[in-house]
Amino acid sequence: MAKVALLIGVGEYGNGLSPLPAAPKDVEAMRGVLENPEIGGFDQVTPLINPERQAMEEAIFTLFANRKKDDLLLLFFSGHGVKDDSGNLYLAAHNTRKEQEALVQPTAVAASYIQNIMSNSRSKRQVVILDCCFSGAFAEGMKAKADDSVPVKQQLGGEGRAVLTSSTSTQYSFEHEGFDLSIYTHFLVEGIRTGIADKDQDGAVSVDELHEYASEKVQEIAPGKMKPKIYVVEEGFKILLAKVRVDDPKLKYRQETERLIRNGNISFIVRNLLNLKRDSLGLLSEEAVVIETEVLKPYREYEAKLQLYEQVLTKAIQQEHILSDATLKELQDFEKALGLKNEDVKLIKAKFILPEQTISSSIEESIVQQKQSDKDNKKTLHDQRYIDSLITPKKSQLPLGCQFKFVVLGIILLNITIGISYIINKPNLRPSLKIPEILVEKPECVEHKEKSEEYYQAGKTYFKKKSYNQAIEYLNKAICYADQYEWDSYYYRGQAYYELKNYKAALEDYNIAIARAKNEPWNAESYEGRGDLYSQLGDKQRAIDDYKTAVKLYLKQKSDNPQAEIVIKKYNRLLNPKD
């Protein structure tokens, strides 16, 4: 019995077909696992890179000719799959070309040719793996023609055969950013190399097990884009392709990691379970990290696509503010091109507060409450003039130093007035917003409370370095402990969300920080941050109210606080945008 494989990778094409840089790499990766005596154990593996049609046909003939009945023959192809006008499948060679969008048939290898060669072979164990698109002219993101005119099973099926395809006849395969290999081949190689595809843990990877593993992984990273299929005749699905060391500690750790991880997240409970498993297997921390990274890679790649979509959406909103129907249609096409799930797209859109378009329920409720609060807390004309004169002083011939002293005196008198109003139970005269209490589910705490300061300082450092995602990660942990760093953590996390254009989360954190510290002088930063947020969203009045409060609190900190002057300039720009 011999195990022989022919691996064909075509990445360079002529007219009418786009290049596929990953195809030659697919061949090398498959060659590595099949030639390995401890894994594939194939006696002969022949790579064929960028062949022309005749050389490709001859190599296929050589693979299947003059073989014995129990020989295992494997044909792997990575490249373009194309159809002629009759729907017949062809594998594109280096010299394959199209003229006026029609395939020049003599330049490609017909599936019928492969069928004839396989049928004439004495081998009863034949495996064909096609990592190719069946309609190579379609670009990523475009909908394929709805026809099933490539009957793969009928064209390539047969006794004792298994045919694995990366996509159905109405889809196309494609390379994926972040992967050196094409998506399908990446997971085929991973399933064989690690042994994780051995579902029944019998020490061998069969054809059907390999298909099941690769198909599940492809669907995770490209949901709805590709649906790998397997076509078997008689006992073809039971053909064994590779050996597996069942007692391999790395394999056992990977199996446990695959079993425990849900949606790409490692909870603190799972983290401890994996640590126990790692130690019991005698693995080094570095080895465990490599395995976890491989398992998490599909999830991280999907997260990267979500981030790209959010960036594009942010740019679109900045350009149009209120999105046109044409832009919304383009965004839908972009969602499909990325293969994003509808629920994930909705979550991203919920982060944006679009004037006259989309307002989240929590923010809408806050606005309703604020309008009612403004009616209840009517401000006297005297106090309003005091505040307005503080923020926008009238032109005066007095020296600047004298003007500043009068401002400070005005602040003192205003505070006395507000104090008296409290004593006689009059309504609160403070010209700021009434902040509703917001309950936020706190992140899970996994470390000791005494590390709260350490987490807060780390989050603050990452924020100053503009590493906002890392800042949020550490501030989440600091917030767990509700100690002296609670206000600071909410404020900085709100700032980080603001920089990431996550306005909903930023507003919630600003509101919490303000509710906790109220009119403490050091709470000026929260009011200023929330004022910036409202200004960004075009809510002029709320921005003005917050800037006024911020100025008062900054001046309480220090009578000549330069930050107060900065906020006053922001306020004046809102009142006089043309100045």
Protein backbone atom coordinates (compact mmCIF):
# COMPACT_ATOMS: atom_id res chain seq x y z
CA MET A 1 0.00 0.00 0.00
CA ALA A 2 1.33 3.43 -0.96
CA LYS A 3 0.20 6.90 0.06
CA VAL A 4 0.76 9.39 -2.76
CA ALA A 5 -0.28 13.03 -3.00
CA LEU A 6 -0.22 15.66 -5.75
CA LEU A 7 -0.50 19.23 -4.48
CA ILE A 8 -1.23 21.92 -7.08
CA GLY A 9 -1.17 25.61 -6.28
CA VAL A 10 -1.81 28.27 -8.90
CA GLY A 11 -1.44 31.86 -7.73
CA GLU A 12 -0.25 33.59 -10.89
CA TYR A 13 -2.72 34.05 -13.73
CA GLY A 14 -2.99 35.81 -17.04
CA ASN A 15 -5.91 37.70 -18.52
CA GLY A 16 -9.27 37.65 -16.77
CA LEU A 17 -8.26 36.00 -13.48
CA SER A 18 -6.96 37.72 -10.37
CA PRO A 19 -3.78 36.51 -8.61
CA LEU A 20 -4.03 34.32 -5.51
CA PRO A 21 -0.82 34.80 -3.47
CA ALA A 22 -1.88 32.28 -0.84
CA ALA A 23 -2.18 29.34 -3.26
CA PRO A 24 1.55 28.38 -3.36
CA LYS A 25 1.67 28.76 0.44
CA ASP A 26 -1.29 26.40 0.71
CA VAL A 27 0.71 23.75 -1.12
CA GLU A 28 3.74 24.12 1.15
CA ALA A 29 1.60 23.93 4.27
CA MET A 30 -0.17 20.76 3.10
CA ARG A 31 3.14 19.27 2.07
CA GLY A 32 4.53 19.85 5.56
CA VAL A 33 1.82 17.84 7.34
CA LEU A 34 1.50 15.08 4.74
CA GLU A 35 5.25 14.38 4.50
CA ASN A 36 5.73 14.36 8.27
CA PRO A 37 6.19 10.67 9.19
CA GLU A 38 4.54 11.21 12.58
CA ILE A 39 1.45 12.84 11.06
CA GLY A 40 0.56 12.21 7.43
CA GLY A 41 3.21 9.59 6.69
CA PHE A 42 2.75 9.87 2.90
CA ASP A 43 5.34 8.02 0.85
CA GLN A 44 5.40 10.57 -1.94
CA VAL A 45 4.21 14.18 -2.03
CA THR A 46 4.62 16.10 -5.29
CA PRO A 47 4.16 19.91 -5.20
CA LEU A 48 3.29 21.67 -8.43
CA ILE A 49 3.37 25.48 -8.37
CA ASN A 50 1.87 27.63 -11.13
CA PRO A 51 1.82 24.90 -13.82
CA GLU A 52 0.39 25.42 -17.29
CA ARG A 53 -2.54 23.31 -18.39
CA GLN A 54 -0.57 20.52 -20.10
CA ALA A 55 1.85 20.04 -17.20
CA MET A 56 -1.08 20.00 -14.80
CA GLU A 57 -2.96 17.36 -16.78
CA GLU A 58 0.16 15.17 -17.05
CA ALA A 59 0.78 15.38 -13.29
CA ILE A 60 -2.82 14.36 -12.57
CA PHE A 61 -2.51 11.45 -14.98
CA THR A 62 0.70 10.30 -13.27
CA LEU A 63 -0.96 10.44 -9.83
CA PHE A 64 -3.75 8.01 -10.74
CA ALA A 65 -2.10 5.78 -13.39
CA ASN A 66 -0.43 2.42 -12.62
CA ARG A 67 -1.66 2.24 -9.02
CA LYS A 68 -2.70 -0.65 -6.83
CA LYS A 69 -6.16 -1.18 -5.39
CA ASP A 70 -5.25 -0.27 -1.79
CA ASP A 71 -3.11 2.77 -2.67
CA LEU A 72 -4.29 6.04 -1.14
CA LEU A 73 -4.22 8.86 -3.70
CA LEU A 74 -4.80 12.50 -2.76
CA LEU A 75 -5.24 15.38 -5.20
CA PHE A 76 -5.16 18.88 -3.69
CA PHE A 77 -5.83 22.02 -5.69
CA SER A 78 -5.67 25.65 -4.56
CA GLY A 79 -6.50 28.23 -7.19
CA HIS A 80 -9.36 29.47 -9.32
CA GLY A 81 -12.25 27.26 -10.27
CA VAL A 82 -14.15 28.48 -13.33
CA LYS A 83 -17.20 27.44 -15.32
CA ASP A 84 -17.95 27.49 -19.00
CA ASP A 85 -21.27 28.59 -20.45
CA SER A 86 -22.67 25.09 -19.92
CA GLY A 87 -21.80 25.08 -16.24
CA ASN A 88 -18.95 22.58 -16.52
CA LEU A 89 -16.18 22.95 -13.93
CA TYR A 90 -12.57 23.69 -14.88
CA LEU A 91 -9.48 24.11 -12.71
CA ALA A 92 -7.54 27.16 -13.84
CA ALA A 93 -3.87 26.72 -14.75
CA HIS A 94 -1.17 29.38 -15.02
CA ASN A 95 -1.99 30.00 -18.69
CA THR A 96 -5.79 29.89 -18.29
CA ARG A 97 -7.44 32.97 -19.67
CA LYS A 98 -10.78 34.50 -20.45
CA GLU A 99 -11.82 36.41 -23.53
CA GLN A 100 -14.85 38.68 -23.31
CA GLU A 101 -15.65 37.16 -19.92
CA ALA A 102 -15.82 33.67 -21.46
CA LEU A 103 -13.42 30.88 -20.50
CA VAL A 104 -11.00 29.75 -23.20
CA GLN A 105 -11.53 26.05 -22.53
CA PRO A 106 -8.27 24.62 -23.98
CA THR A 107 -6.30 26.67 -21.40
CA ALA A 108 -7.89 25.02 -18.32
CA VAL A 109 -8.17 21.49 -16.92
CA ALA A 110 -11.70 20.14 -17.24
CA ALA A 111 -13.25 18.28 -14.32
CA SER A 112 -14.40 15.67 -16.83
CA TYR A 113 -10.74 14.95 -17.66
CA ILE A 114 -9.98 14.31 -13.97
CA GLN A 115 -13.08 12.12 -13.73
CA ASN A 116 -11.91 9.91 -16.58
CA ILE A 117 -8.41 9.54 -15.13
CA MET A 118 -9.78 8.64 -11.68
CA SER A 119 -12.27 6.16 -13.11
CA ASN A 120 -9.51 4.33 -14.99
CA SER A 121 -7.33 4.05 -11.89
CA ARG A 122 -7.23 0.76 -9.97
CA SER A 123 -7.01 2.63 -6.66
CA LYS A 124 -10.21 2.44 -4.61
CA ARG A 125 -9.13 5.08 -2.10
CA GLN A 126 -9.15 8.47 -3.76
CA VAL A 127 -9.44 11.87 -2.10
CA VAL A 128 -9.83 15.19 -3.91
CA ILE A 129 -9.60 18.49 -2.04
CA LEU A 130 -10.57 21.63 -3.97
CA ASP A 131 -9.85 24.97 -2.34
CA CYS A 132 -11.15 27.13 -5.14
CA CYS A 133 -13.99 29.33 -6.18
CA PHE A 134 -16.42 27.96 -8.71
CA SER A 135 -17.05 31.38 -10.14
CA GLY A 136 -13.73 33.15 -10.03
CA ALA A 137 -14.94 36.27 -11.88
CA PHE A 138 -16.98 37.37 -8.88
CA ALA A 139 -15.28 39.83 -6.54
CA GLU A 140 -15.49 39.67 -2.77
CA GLY A 141 -18.70 41.19 -1.47
CA MET A 142 -20.72 40.59 -4.65
CA LYS A 143 -23.53 38.09 -4.76
CA ALA A 144 -22.85 35.03 -6.88
CA LYS A 145 -25.28 34.01 -9.60
CA ALA A 146 -27.97 31.78 -8.20
CA ASP A 147 -27.38 28.64 -10.18
CA ASP A 148 -26.29 25.16 -9.23
CA SER A 149 -24.86 24.25 -12.59
CA VAL A 150 -21.69 22.64 -11.24
CA PRO A 151 -22.75 19.18 -10.01
CA VAL A 152 -19.50 18.38 -8.18
CA LYS A 153 -20.58 14.94 -7.04
CA GLN A 154 -21.59 13.89 -10.52
CA GLN A 155 -18.44 15.27 -12.11
CA LEU A 156 -15.88 14.09 -9.55
CA GLY A 157 -17.64 11.40 -7.52
CA GLY A 158 -17.06 7.68 -7.80
CA GLU A 159 -16.56 4.45 -5.88
CA GLY A 160 -14.35 4.78 -2.81
CA ARG A 161 -13.89 8.50 -3.32
CA ALA A 162 -14.21 11.60 -1.18
CA VAL A 163 -14.34 15.12 -2.58
CA LEU A 164 -13.93 18.07 -0.21
CA THR A 165 -14.72 21.57 -1.47
CA SER A 166 -14.21 24.92 0.19
CA SER A 167 -17.51 26.34 -1.07
CA THR A 168 -20.66 25.36 -2.88
CA SER A 169 -21.25 25.98 -6.55
CA THR A 170 -23.07 29.26 -5.85
CA GLN A 171 -20.27 30.69 -3.70
CA TYR A 172 -16.66 31.70 -4.06
CA SER A 173 -13.61 31.06 -1.94
CA PHE A 174 -11.32 33.89 -0.99
CA GLU A 175 -8.19 34.71 0.94
CA HIS A 176 -8.53 36.39 4.29
CA GLU A 177 -6.58 39.23 5.83
CA GLY A 178 -4.47 38.01 8.73
CA PHE A 179 -4.00 34.50 7.32
CA ASP A 180 -0.99 33.44 5.29
CA LEU A 181 -3.06 30.64 3.79
CA SER A 182 -6.52 30.60 2.32
CA ILE A 183 -9.17 30.16 5.01
CA TYR A 184 -10.16 26.61 4.13
CA THR A 185 -6.63 25.25 3.75
CA HIS A 186 -5.58 26.98 6.96
CA PHE A 187 -8.03 24.92 8.97
CA LEU A 188 -7.38 21.71 7.03
CA VAL A 189 -3.70 21.99 7.91
CA GLU A 190 -4.45 22.99 11.49
CA GLY A 191 -6.78 20.04 11.99
CA ILE A 192 -4.16 17.59 10.70
CA ARG A 193 -1.08 19.19 12.28
CA THR A 194 -2.51 19.51 15.79
CA GLY A 195 -4.67 16.39 15.69
CA ILE A 196 -7.63 18.42 16.89
CA ALA A 197 -9.70 17.18 13.94
CA ASP A 198 -9.66 13.69 15.50
CA LYS A 199 -13.18 14.04 16.86
CA ASP A 200 -13.61 10.47 18.11
CA GLN A 201 -10.06 10.43 19.55
CA ASP A 202 -9.22 7.10 17.96
CA GLY A 203 -5.72 8.19 16.99
CA ALA A 204 -6.45 9.01 13.34
CA VAL A 205 -7.98 11.85 11.31
CA SER A 206 -10.50 10.55 8.78
CA VAL A 207 -11.82 12.45 5.78
CA ASP A 208 -15.17 13.20 7.36
CA GLU A 209 -13.59 14.36 10.63
CA LEU A 210 -11.28 16.71 8.77
CA HIS A 211 -14.19 18.15 6.80
CA GLU A 212 -16.28 18.63 9.96
CA TYR A 213 -13.48 20.51 11.75
CA ALA A 214 -12.58 22.76 8.81
CA SER A 215 -16.22 23.49 8.03
CA GLU A 216 -17.00 24.57 11.60
CA LYS A 217 -13.99 26.87 11.73
CA VAL A 218 -14.68 28.46 8.35
CA GLN A 219 -18.23 29.23 9.44
CA GLU A 220 -16.94 30.88 12.60
CA ILE A 221 -14.61 33.28 10.81
CA ALA A 222 -16.63 33.79 7.61
CA PRO A 223 -20.26 33.21 8.59
CA GLY A 224 -22.50 32.96 5.56
CA LYS A 225 -19.63 33.50 3.13
CA MET A 226 -18.48 29.94 2.57
CA LYS A 227 -20.09 26.58 3.19
CA PRO A 228 -17.58 23.77 2.72
CA LYS A 229 -19.08 20.54 1.42
CA ILE A 230 -18.07 16.91 1.36
CA TYR A 231 -19.15 14.43 -1.32
CA VAL A 232 -18.45 10.76 -0.63
CA VAL A 233 -19.15 7.53 -2.47
CA GLU A 234 -19.46 4.25 -0.60
CA GLU A 235 -16.78 4.16 2.12
CA GLY A 236 -14.96 7.32 1.05
CA PHE A 237 -15.67 9.18 4.29
CA LYS A 238 -13.77 6.55 6.31
CA ILE A 239 -10.47 7.07 4.51
CA LEU A 240 -7.78 7.88 7.09
CA LEU A 241 -5.45 10.75 6.18
CA ALA A 242 -3.24 11.25 9.23
CA LYS A 243 -2.10 9.79 12.53
CA VAL A 244 -2.62 11.45 15.89
CA ARG A 245 -0.74 11.06 19.15
CA VAL A 246 -3.67 10.70 21.49
CA ASP A 247 -1.42 11.11 24.55
CA ASP A 248 0.20 14.32 23.23
CA PRO A 249 -0.10 16.92 26.06
CA LYS A 250 -0.35 19.78 23.55
CA LEU A 251 -3.27 18.06 21.83
CA LYS A 252 -5.01 17.46 25.17
CA TYR A 253 -4.57 21.08 26.15
CA ARG A 254 -5.90 22.24 22.79
CA GLN A 255 -8.93 19.98 23.11
CA GLU A 256 -9.66 21.45 26.52
CA THR A 257 -9.20 24.98 25.22
CA GLU A 258 -11.54 24.36 22.28
CA ARG A 259 -14.11 22.89 24.65
CA LEU A 260 -14.04 25.68 27.23
CA ILE A 261 -13.74 28.82 25.14
CA ARG A 262 -17.06 30.38 24.17
CA ASN A 263 -17.34 33.15 21.58
CA GLY A 264 -13.65 33.93 21.80
CA ASN A 265 -13.76 34.85 25.49
CA ILE A 266 -11.80 33.35 28.35
CA SER A 267 -13.66 34.05 31.59
CA PHE A 268 -11.78 34.12 34.85
CA ILE A 269 -13.21 30.68 35.71
CA VAL A 270 -12.05 29.22 32.39
CA ARG A 271 -8.69 30.92 32.88
CA ASN A 272 -8.18 29.06 36.13
CA LEU A 273 -9.43 25.79 34.64
CA LEU A 274 -6.94 26.09 31.79
CA ASN A 275 -4.14 26.92 34.18
CA LEU A 276 -4.89 23.75 36.14
CA LYS A 277 -4.99 21.70 32.93
CA ARG A 278 -1.70 23.24 31.75
CA ASP A 279 0.03 22.40 35.02
CA SER A 280 -1.35 18.85 35.13
CA LEU A 281 -0.04 18.22 31.59
CA GLY A 282 3.38 19.69 32.38
CA LEU A 283 3.20 22.33 29.67
CA LEU A 284 5.18 25.55 29.81
CA SER A 285 3.26 28.81 29.96
CA GLU A 286 4.72 29.78 26.59
CA GLU A 287 3.43 26.57 24.99
CA ALA A 288 -0.05 27.14 26.40
CA VAL A 289 -0.11 30.71 25.10
CA VAL A 290 0.77 29.56 21.57
CA ILE A 291 -2.09 27.05 21.61
CA GLU A 292 -4.58 29.57 23.00
CA THR A 293 -3.52 32.13 20.39
CA GLU A 294 -4.20 29.67 17.57
CA VAL A 295 -7.60 28.76 18.98
CA LEU A 296 -8.56 32.40 19.47
CA LYS A 297 -7.26 33.61 16.10
CA PRO A 298 -10.55 33.16 14.19
CA TYR A 299 -12.39 35.15 16.84
CA ARG A 300 -9.75 37.88 16.83
CA GLU A 301 -9.92 38.09 13.04
CA TYR A 302 -13.68 38.50 13.20
CA GLU A 303 -13.26 41.19 15.87
CA ALA A 304 -10.83 42.98 13.52
CA LYS A 305 -13.52 43.03 10.82
CA LEU A 306 -16.00 44.47 13.32
CA GLN A 307 -13.49 47.21 14.20
CA LEU A 308 -12.96 47.97 10.51
CA TYR A 309 -16.70 48.29 10.01
CA GLU A 310 -16.97 50.62 13.01
CA GLN A 311 -14.16 52.79 11.63
CA VAL A 312 -15.89 53.04 8.24
CA LEU A 313 -19.22 53.84 9.91
CA THR A 314 -17.56 56.51 12.06
CA LYS A 315 -16.03 58.15 8.99
CA ALA A 316 -19.35 58.08 7.16
CA ILE A 317 -21.10 59.77 10.08
CA GLN A 318 -18.39 62.42 10.32
CA GLN A 319 -18.82 63.21 6.63
CA GLU A 320 -22.61 63.19 6.38
CA HIS A 321 -23.82 63.46 10.00
CA ILE A 322 -27.23 62.17 8.86
CA LEU A 323 -26.61 59.26 6.53
CA SER A 324 -28.24 59.31 3.11
CA ASP A 325 -30.09 56.34 1.64
CA ALA A 326 -27.21 55.77 -0.78
CA THR A 327 -24.68 55.64 2.04
CA LEU A 328 -26.85 53.27 4.06
CA LYS A 329 -27.05 50.95 1.04
CA GLU A 330 -23.25 51.06 0.66
CA LEU A 331 -22.87 50.19 4.34
CA GLN A 332 -25.16 47.18 3.87
CA ASP A 333 -22.99 45.99 0.99
CA PHE A 334 -19.91 46.47 3.17
CA GLU A 335 -21.50 44.43 5.97
CA LYS A 336 -22.10 41.57 3.55
CA ALA A 337 -18.58 41.82 2.13
CA LEU A 338 -17.14 41.44 5.63
CA GLY A 339 -19.52 38.60 6.45
CA LEU A 340 -20.74 40.27 9.65
CA LYS A 341 -23.61 38.92 11.70
CA ASN A 342 -26.71 41.12 11.91
CA GLU A 343 -26.69 41.15 15.70
CA ASP A 344 -23.09 42.38 15.77
CA VAL A 345 -23.85 45.15 13.29
CA LYS A 346 -26.77 46.30 15.46
CA LEU A 347 -24.51 46.48 18.52
CA ILE A 348 -22.03 48.67 16.65
CA LYS A 349 -24.73 50.99 15.36
CA ALA A 350 -26.11 51.30 18.89
CA LYS A 351 -22.85 52.95 19.97
CA PHE A 352 -23.53 55.98 17.82
CA ILE A 353 -25.93 58.74 18.78
CA LEU A 354 -27.04 60.25 15.49
CA PRO A 355 -29.08 63.46 15.72
CA GLU A 356 -32.56 63.09 14.17
CA GLN A 357 -31.72 59.52 13.27
CA THR A 358 -30.83 57.03 16.02
CA ILE A 359 -30.94 57.60 19.80
CA SER A 360 -30.53 54.76 22.27
CA SER A 361 -33.34 54.21 24.76
CA SER A 362 -31.22 55.02 27.81
CA ILE A 363 -30.05 58.34 26.35
CA GLU A 364 -33.57 59.18 25.17
CA GLU A 365 -34.85 58.59 28.68
CA SER A 366 -32.11 60.85 30.06
CA ILE A 367 -33.14 63.60 27.64
CA VAL A 368 -36.81 63.33 28.67
CA GLN A 369 -35.86 63.51 32.33
CA GLN A 370 -33.65 66.51 31.69
CA LYS A 371 -36.41 68.41 29.91
CA GLN A 372 -38.68 67.83 32.90
CA SER A 373 -35.88 68.89 35.23
CA ASP A 374 -35.37 72.13 33.32
CA LYS A 375 -39.06 72.94 33.81
CA ASP A 376 -38.99 72.14 37.52
CA ASN A 377 -35.78 74.01 38.31
CA LYS A 378 -36.48 77.47 36.90
CA LYS A 379 -33.58 79.79 37.37
CA THR A 380 -34.01 83.37 38.54
CA LEU A 381 -33.02 86.13 36.15
CA HIS A 382 -30.55 87.48 38.71
CA ASP A 383 -28.62 84.21 39.05
CA GLN A 384 -28.69 83.54 35.30
CA ARG A 385 -27.13 86.94 34.67
CA TYR A 386 -24.45 86.18 37.22
CA ILE A 387 -23.53 82.95 35.46
CA ASP A 388 -23.70 84.44 31.95
CA SER A 389 -21.50 87.32 32.99
CA LEU A 390 -19.03 84.81 34.41
CA ILE A 391 -18.76 82.81 31.20
CA THR A 392 -19.07 85.65 28.67
CA PRO A 393 -17.92 88.84 30.37
CA LYS A 394 -18.79 92.09 28.61
CA LYS A 395 -16.04 94.20 27.12
CA SER A 396 -14.52 96.50 29.73
CA GLN A 397 -11.82 99.13 29.97
CA LEU A 398 -10.69 97.70 33.29
CA PRO A 399 -7.32 95.94 33.39
CA LEU A 400 -7.45 92.15 33.03
CA GLY A 401 -6.33 91.59 36.62
CA CYS A 402 -9.21 93.69 37.95
CA GLN A 403 -11.69 91.84 35.73
CA PHE A 404 -10.51 88.51 37.12
CA LYS A 405 -10.88 89.73 40.73
CA PHE A 406 -14.48 90.75 40.02
CA VAL A 407 -15.12 87.29 38.56
CA VAL A 408 -13.80 85.61 41.70
CA LEU A 409 -15.91 87.95 43.88
CA GLY A 410 -18.93 87.06 41.78
CA ILE A 411 -18.28 83.36 42.35
CA ILE A 412 -18.16 83.90 46.12
CA LEU A 413 -21.43 85.86 46.10
CA LEU A 414 -23.08 83.25 43.91
CA ASN A 415 -22.07 80.45 46.29
CA ILE A 416 -23.50 82.45 49.22
CA THR A 417 -26.76 82.90 47.30
CA ILE A 418 -26.99 79.20 46.52
CA GLY A 419 -26.28 78.35 50.18
CA ILE A 420 -29.08 80.61 51.37
CA SER A 421 -31.46 79.02 48.88
CA TYR A 422 -30.76 75.62 50.40
CA ILE A 423 -31.45 76.95 53.90
CA ILE A 424 -34.87 78.31 53.01
CA ASN A 425 -35.71 75.17 50.98
CA LYS A 426 -35.87 76.91 47.64
CA PRO A 427 -35.26 74.93 44.40
CA ASN A 428 -31.64 74.18 43.51
CA LEU A 429 -30.27 77.12 41.55
CA ARG A 430 -27.27 75.27 40.15
CA PRO A 431 -27.45 75.61 36.33
CA SER A 432 -26.36 72.05 35.60
CA LEU A 433 -28.14 68.92 34.56
CA LYS A 434 -30.07 66.63 36.83
CA ILE A 435 -28.27 63.32 36.45
CA PRO A 436 -30.40 60.18 36.73
CA GLU A 437 -28.87 57.31 38.65
CA ILE A 438 -27.41 54.80 36.19
CA LEU A 439 -26.82 51.22 37.20
CA VAL A 440 -23.97 49.57 35.36
CA GLU A 441 -23.08 45.91 35.63
CA LYS A 442 -19.54 45.73 36.94
CA PRO A 443 -16.90 43.52 35.33
CA GLU A 444 -15.89 40.30 37.00
CA CYS A 445 -13.18 40.76 39.64
CA VAL A 446 -10.44 38.18 39.50
CA GLU A 447 -7.65 39.69 41.58
CA HIS A 448 -7.22 40.98 45.10
CA LYS A 449 -8.72 44.29 46.16
CA GLU A 450 -5.35 45.75 47.07
CA LYS A 451 -4.48 45.76 43.35
CA SER A 452 -7.13 48.39 42.63
CA GLU A 453 -4.62 51.24 42.64
CA GLU A 454 -2.27 49.24 40.43
CA TYR A 455 -5.04 48.69 37.86
CA TYR A 456 -6.12 52.33 38.00
CA GLN A 457 -2.58 53.62 37.48
CA ALA A 458 -2.08 51.18 34.58
CA GLY A 459 -5.33 52.30 32.95
CA LYS A 460 -4.40 55.96 33.37
CA THR A 461 -0.96 55.33 31.86
CA TYR A 462 -2.43 53.53 28.83
CA PHE A 463 -4.92 56.38 28.37
CA LYS A 464 -2.13 58.96 28.28
CA LYS A 465 -0.36 56.81 25.71
CA LYS A 466 -3.58 56.84 23.66
CA SER A 467 -3.88 53.05 24.00
CA TYR A 468 -7.57 53.36 24.76
CA ASN A 469 -8.63 49.71 24.55
CA GLN A 470 -5.89 48.69 26.98
CA ALA A 471 -6.87 51.58 29.25
CA ILE A 472 -10.48 50.36 29.36
CA GLU A 473 -9.34 46.82 30.14
CA TYR A 474 -7.45 47.92 33.28
CA LEU A 475 -10.00 50.52 34.36
CA ASN A 476 -12.68 47.80 34.24
CA LYS A 477 -10.69 45.95 36.88
CA ALA A 478 -10.15 49.07 39.00
CA ILE A 479 -13.89 49.79 38.97
CA CYS A 480 -14.55 46.39 40.53
CA TYR A 481 -13.59 47.62 43.96
CA ALA A 482 -15.57 50.86 44.47
CA ASP A 483 -12.83 52.39 46.62
CA GLN A 484 -11.09 55.76 46.42
CA TYR A 485 -10.30 55.21 42.74
CA GLU A 486 -13.90 54.73 41.63
CA TRP A 487 -14.57 58.28 40.37
CA ASP A 488 -11.18 58.51 38.66
CA SER A 489 -11.69 55.18 36.90
CA TYR A 490 -15.15 56.11 35.61
CA TYR A 491 -13.87 59.47 34.38
CA TYR A 492 -10.86 58.07 32.52
CA ARG A 493 -12.88 55.18 31.12
CA GLY A 494 -15.44 57.70 29.87
CA GLN A 495 -12.64 59.66 28.22
CA ALA A 496 -11.30 56.48 26.59
CA TYR A 497 -14.75 55.58 25.25
CA TYR A 498 -15.11 59.13 23.94
CA GLU A 499 -11.84 58.85 22.03
CA LEU A 500 -13.05 55.54 20.56
CA LYS A 501 -16.30 57.24 19.43
CA ASN A 502 -18.31 54.98 21.76
CA TYR A 503 -20.52 57.89 22.79
CA LYS A 504 -23.17 55.87 24.56
CA ALA A 505 -20.68 54.24 26.93
CA ALA A 506 -18.84 57.52 27.41
CA LEU A 507 -22.03 59.33 28.43
CA GLU A 508 -22.90 56.64 30.96
CA ASP A 509 -19.45 56.86 32.56
CA TYR A 510 -19.52 60.68 32.68
CA ASN A 511 -22.97 60.52 34.29
CA ILE A 512 -21.78 58.06 36.93
CA ALA A 513 -18.70 60.12 37.73
CA ILE A 514 -20.83 63.26 38.09
CA ALA A 515 -23.42 61.49 40.22
CA ARG A 516 -20.70 60.17 42.55
CA ALA A 517 -18.75 63.42 43.00
CA LYS A 518 -21.53 65.95 42.35
CA ASN A 519 -20.17 69.50 42.89
CA GLU A 520 -16.78 68.57 44.26
CA PRO A 521 -14.14 70.84 42.65
CA TRP A 522 -12.22 67.92 41.19
CA ASN A 523 -15.36 66.86 39.31
CA ALA A 524 -14.85 69.72 36.85
CA GLU A 525 -13.15 67.36 34.42
CA SER A 526 -16.25 65.17 34.19
CA TYR A 527 -18.47 68.13 33.34
CA GLU A 528 -15.97 69.34 30.76
CA GLY A 529 -15.75 65.86 29.22
CA ARG A 530 -19.51 65.52 29.04
CA GLY A 531 -19.73 69.03 27.59
CA ASP A 532 -17.30 68.01 24.86
CA LEU A 533 -19.47 64.97 24.17
CA TYR A 534 -22.66 66.99 23.84
CA SER A 535 -20.85 69.53 21.69
CA GLN A 536 -19.65 66.74 19.42
CA LEU A 537 -23.23 65.47 19.12
CA GLY A 538 -24.57 68.92 18.29
CA ASP A 539 -26.52 69.31 21.56
CA LYS A 540 -25.54 72.95 22.09
CA GLN A 541 -27.63 73.75 25.19
CA ARG A 542 -26.45 70.75 27.23
CA ALA A 543 -22.87 71.45 26.25
CA ILE A 544 -23.26 75.07 27.43
CA ASP A 545 -24.73 73.96 30.78
CA ASP A 546 -21.87 71.55 31.42
CA TYR A 547 -19.21 74.07 30.42
CA LYS A 548 -20.67 76.61 32.86
CA THR A 549 -20.52 74.12 35.72
CA ALA A 550 -16.99 73.06 34.74
CA VAL A 551 -15.79 76.68 34.89
CA LYS A 552 -17.22 77.17 38.38
CA LEU A 553 -15.59 74.03 39.67
CA TYR A 554 -12.23 74.78 38.05
CA LEU A 555 -12.23 78.21 39.72
CA LYS A 556 -13.01 76.55 43.04
CA GLN A 557 -9.86 74.50 42.60
CA LYS A 558 -7.76 77.59 41.92
CA SER A 559 -8.76 81.21 41.43
CA ASP A 560 -6.53 81.60 38.37
CA ASN A 561 -6.98 78.09 36.97
CA PRO A 562 -5.90 78.16 33.28
CA GLN A 563 -8.22 75.23 32.52
CA ALA A 564 -11.18 77.51 33.27
CA GLU A 565 -10.02 79.84 30.51
CA ILE A 566 -9.84 76.88 28.09
CA VAL A 567 -13.41 75.88 28.88
CA ILE A 568 -14.58 79.49 28.51
CA LYS A 569 -13.13 79.51 24.99
CA LYS A 570 -15.04 76.31 24.18
CA TYR A 571 -18.21 77.95 25.50
CA ASN A 572 -17.71 81.09 23.44
CA ARG A 573 -17.10 79.02 20.29
CA LEU A 574 -20.47 77.39 20.81
CA LEU A 575 -22.18 80.75 21.19
CA ASN A 576 -20.31 82.35 18.31
CA PRO A 577 -19.21 79.55 15.93
CA LYS A 578 -18.13 82.07 13.28
CA ASP A 579 -15.65 83.84 15.58
